[in-house]
Amino acid sequence: MMPKHSRRRARVGFTDSAIAQIGKLSESEVHSLDRALVALSVDPEMGTPIPNSDPELWRYDDDVENVAVIYYVTTLRTVIVVAYVEA
């Protein structure tokens, strides 16, 4: 019996403003953000859709890691583009 393959993770990209925000985070905050982004790459719909946003934006709040991420997902769900981070 062939092993069942898991769904491929989405790649994560960043807007220029998100890159600037990440540059201001401490090493431990970046580590927390990384853990949240890995989770989102596996399941981009973990977040909550932000009503009336175009493109459709999502917000993910990780209370364990104390991180918030606003992002959108490409049509084929293969890329997550992070627009805002807070840690």
C-alpha atoms as a PDB file:
ATOM      1  CA  MET A   1       0.000   0.000   0.000  1.00  0.00           C
ATOM      2  CA  MET A   2       1.393   3.390  -1.023  1.00  0.00           C
ATOM      3  CA  PRO A   3       1.749   5.958   1.777  1.00  0.00           C
ATOM      4  CA  LYS A   4      -0.729   8.803   1.614  1.00  0.00           C
ATOM      5  CA  HIS A   5       0.989  12.081   0.789  1.00  0.00           C
ATOM      6  CA  SER A   6       0.076  15.116   2.774  1.00  0.00           C
ATOM      7  CA  ARG A   7      -1.072  18.256   1.060  1.00  0.00           C
ATOM      8  CA  ARG A   8       1.766  20.447  -0.194  1.00  0.00           C
ATOM      9  CA  ARG A   9       2.532  23.498   1.914  1.00  0.00           C
ATOM     10  CA  ALA A  10       1.915  26.934   0.490  1.00  0.00           C
ATOM     11  CA  ARG A  11       4.945  29.157  -0.051  1.00  0.00           C
ATOM     12  CA  VAL A  12       5.050  32.327   2.032  1.00  0.00           C
ATOM     13  CA  GLY A  13       5.940  35.730   0.587  1.00  0.00           C
ATOM     14  CA  PHE A  14       5.941  39.195   2.116  1.00  0.00           C
ATOM     15  CA  THR A  15       4.966  42.694   1.064  1.00  0.00           C
ATOM     16  CA  ASP A  16       7.597  45.408   1.485  1.00  0.00           C
ATOM     17  CA  SER A  17       5.796  46.784   4.541  1.00  0.00           C
ATOM     18  CA  ALA A  18       5.706  43.339   6.181  1.00  0.00           C
ATOM     19  CA  ILE A  19       9.442  42.955   5.567  1.00  0.00           C
ATOM     20  CA  ALA A  20      10.023  46.304   7.256  1.00  0.00           C
ATOM     21  CA  GLN A  21       7.916  45.218  10.237  1.00  0.00           C
ATOM     22  CA  ILE A  22       9.800  41.932  10.534  1.00  0.00           C
ATOM     23  CA  GLY A  23      13.085  43.851  10.535  1.00  0.00           C
ATOM     24  CA  LYS A  24      11.991  45.540  13.768  1.00  0.00           C
ATOM     25  CA  LEU A  25      11.169  42.303  15.607  1.00  0.00           C
ATOM     26  CA  SER A  26      13.420  40.679  18.183  1.00  0.00           C
ATOM     27  CA  GLU A  27      14.903  37.242  17.554  1.00  0.00           C
ATOM     28  CA  SER A  28      12.321  35.559  19.797  1.00  0.00           C
ATOM     29  CA  GLU A  29       9.473  37.423  18.054  1.00  0.00           C
ATOM     30  CA  VAL A  30      10.778  36.286  14.655  1.00  0.00           C
ATOM     31  CA  HIS A  31      10.889  32.710  15.972  1.00  0.00           C
ATOM     32  CA  SER A  32       7.256  33.004  17.134  1.00  0.00           C
ATOM     33  CA  LEU A  33       6.243  34.474  13.779  1.00  0.00           C
ATOM     34  CA  ASP A  34       8.035  31.650  11.955  1.00  0.00           C
ATOM     35  CA  ARG A  35       6.068  29.041  13.899  1.00  0.00           C
ATOM     36  CA  ALA A  36       2.792  30.788  13.038  1.00  0.00           C
ATOM     37  CA  LEU A  37       3.734  31.021   9.345  1.00  0.00           C
ATOM     38  CA  VAL A  38       4.562  27.301   9.205  1.00  0.00           C
ATOM     39  CA  ALA A  39       1.095  26.544  10.576  1.00  0.00           C
ATOM     40  CA  LEU A  40      -0.499  28.872   8.005  1.00  0.00           C
ATOM     41  CA  SER A  41       1.492  27.319   5.170  1.00  0.00           C
ATOM     42  CA  VAL A  42      -0.089  23.967   6.003  1.00  0.00           C
ATOM     43  CA  ASP A  43      -3.622  25.369   6.356  1.00  0.00           C
ATOM     44  CA  PRO A  44      -4.044  28.907   4.958  1.00  0.00           C
ATOM     45  CA  GLU A  45      -7.667  28.987   6.058  1.00  0.00           C
ATOM     46  CA  MET A  46      -6.795  28.810   9.768  1.00  0.00           C
ATOM     47  CA  GLY A  47      -7.360  32.531   9.944  1.00  0.00           C
ATOM     48  CA  THR A  48     -10.566  34.506   9.800  1.00  0.00           C
ATOM     49  CA  PRO A  49     -11.631  36.303   6.618  1.00  0.00           C
ATOM     50  CA  ILE A  50     -11.734  40.085   6.950  1.00  0.00           C
ATOM     51  CA  PRO A  51     -15.131  41.245   5.662  1.00  0.00           C
ATOM     52  CA  ASN A  52     -15.300  43.557   2.636  1.00  0.00           C
ATOM     53  CA  SER A  53     -11.609  43.307   1.784  1.00  0.00           C
ATOM     54  CA  ASP A  54     -10.348  43.208  -1.791  1.00  0.00           C
ATOM     55  CA  PRO A  55      -8.356  41.096  -2.335  1.00  0.00           C
ATOM     56  CA  GLU A  56      -9.812  38.840   0.328  1.00  0.00           C
ATOM     57  CA  LEU A  57      -7.636  39.347   3.379  1.00  0.00           C
ATOM     58  CA  TRP A  58      -7.376  36.963   6.288  1.00  0.00           C
ATOM     59  CA  ARG A  59      -6.305  37.574   9.890  1.00  0.00           C
ATOM     60  CA  TYR A  60      -4.620  34.915  11.961  1.00  0.00           C
ATOM     61  CA  ASP A  61      -4.105  35.450  15.682  1.00  0.00           C
ATOM     62  CA  ASP A  62      -1.910  32.934  17.470  1.00  0.00           C
ATOM     63  CA  ASP A  63      -2.518  33.430  21.167  1.00  0.00           C
ATOM     64  CA  VAL A  64       0.130  30.863  22.147  1.00  0.00           C
ATOM     65  CA  GLU A  65       2.888  32.587  20.158  1.00  0.00           C
ATOM     66  CA  ASN A  66       1.362  36.057  20.683  1.00  0.00           C
ATOM     67  CA  VAL A  67       1.478  36.832  16.936  1.00  0.00           C
ATOM     68  CA  ALA A  68      -1.009  38.419  14.526  1.00  0.00           C
ATOM     69  CA  VAL A  69      -0.701  38.089  10.748  1.00  0.00           C
ATOM     70  CA  ILE A  70      -2.798  39.680   8.004  1.00  0.00           C
ATOM     71  CA  TYR A  71      -2.389  37.931   4.680  1.00  0.00           C
ATOM     72  CA  TYR A  72      -4.009  36.902   1.446  1.00  0.00           C
ATOM     73  CA  VAL A  73      -3.836  33.608  -0.385  1.00  0.00           C
ATOM     74  CA  THR A  74      -3.436  33.136  -4.132  1.00  0.00           C
ATOM     75  CA  THR A  75      -6.226  31.499  -6.106  1.00  0.00           C
ATOM     76  CA  LEU A  76      -4.608  28.075  -6.220  1.00  0.00           C
ATOM     77  CA  ARG A  77      -3.731  28.257  -2.500  1.00  0.00           C
ATOM     78  CA  THR A  78      -0.048  27.774  -3.319  1.00  0.00           C
ATOM     79  CA  VAL A  79       1.244  31.136  -2.061  1.00  0.00           C
ATOM     80  CA  ILE A  80       0.446  33.146   1.059  1.00  0.00           C
ATOM     81  CA  VAL A  81       1.361  36.831   0.865  1.00  0.00           C
ATOM     82  CA  VAL A  82       1.851  38.392   4.277  1.00  0.00           C
ATOM     83  CA  ALA A  83       0.799  42.029   4.362  1.00  0.00           C
ATOM     84  CA  TYR A  84       1.115  42.795   8.091  1.00  0.00           C
ATOM     85  CA  VAL A  85       2.683  41.187  11.144  1.00  0.00           C
ATOM     86  CA  GLU A  86       2.536  41.996  14.829  1.00  0.00           C
ATOM     87  CA  ALA A  87       4.417  40.223  17.576  1.00  0.00           C
END
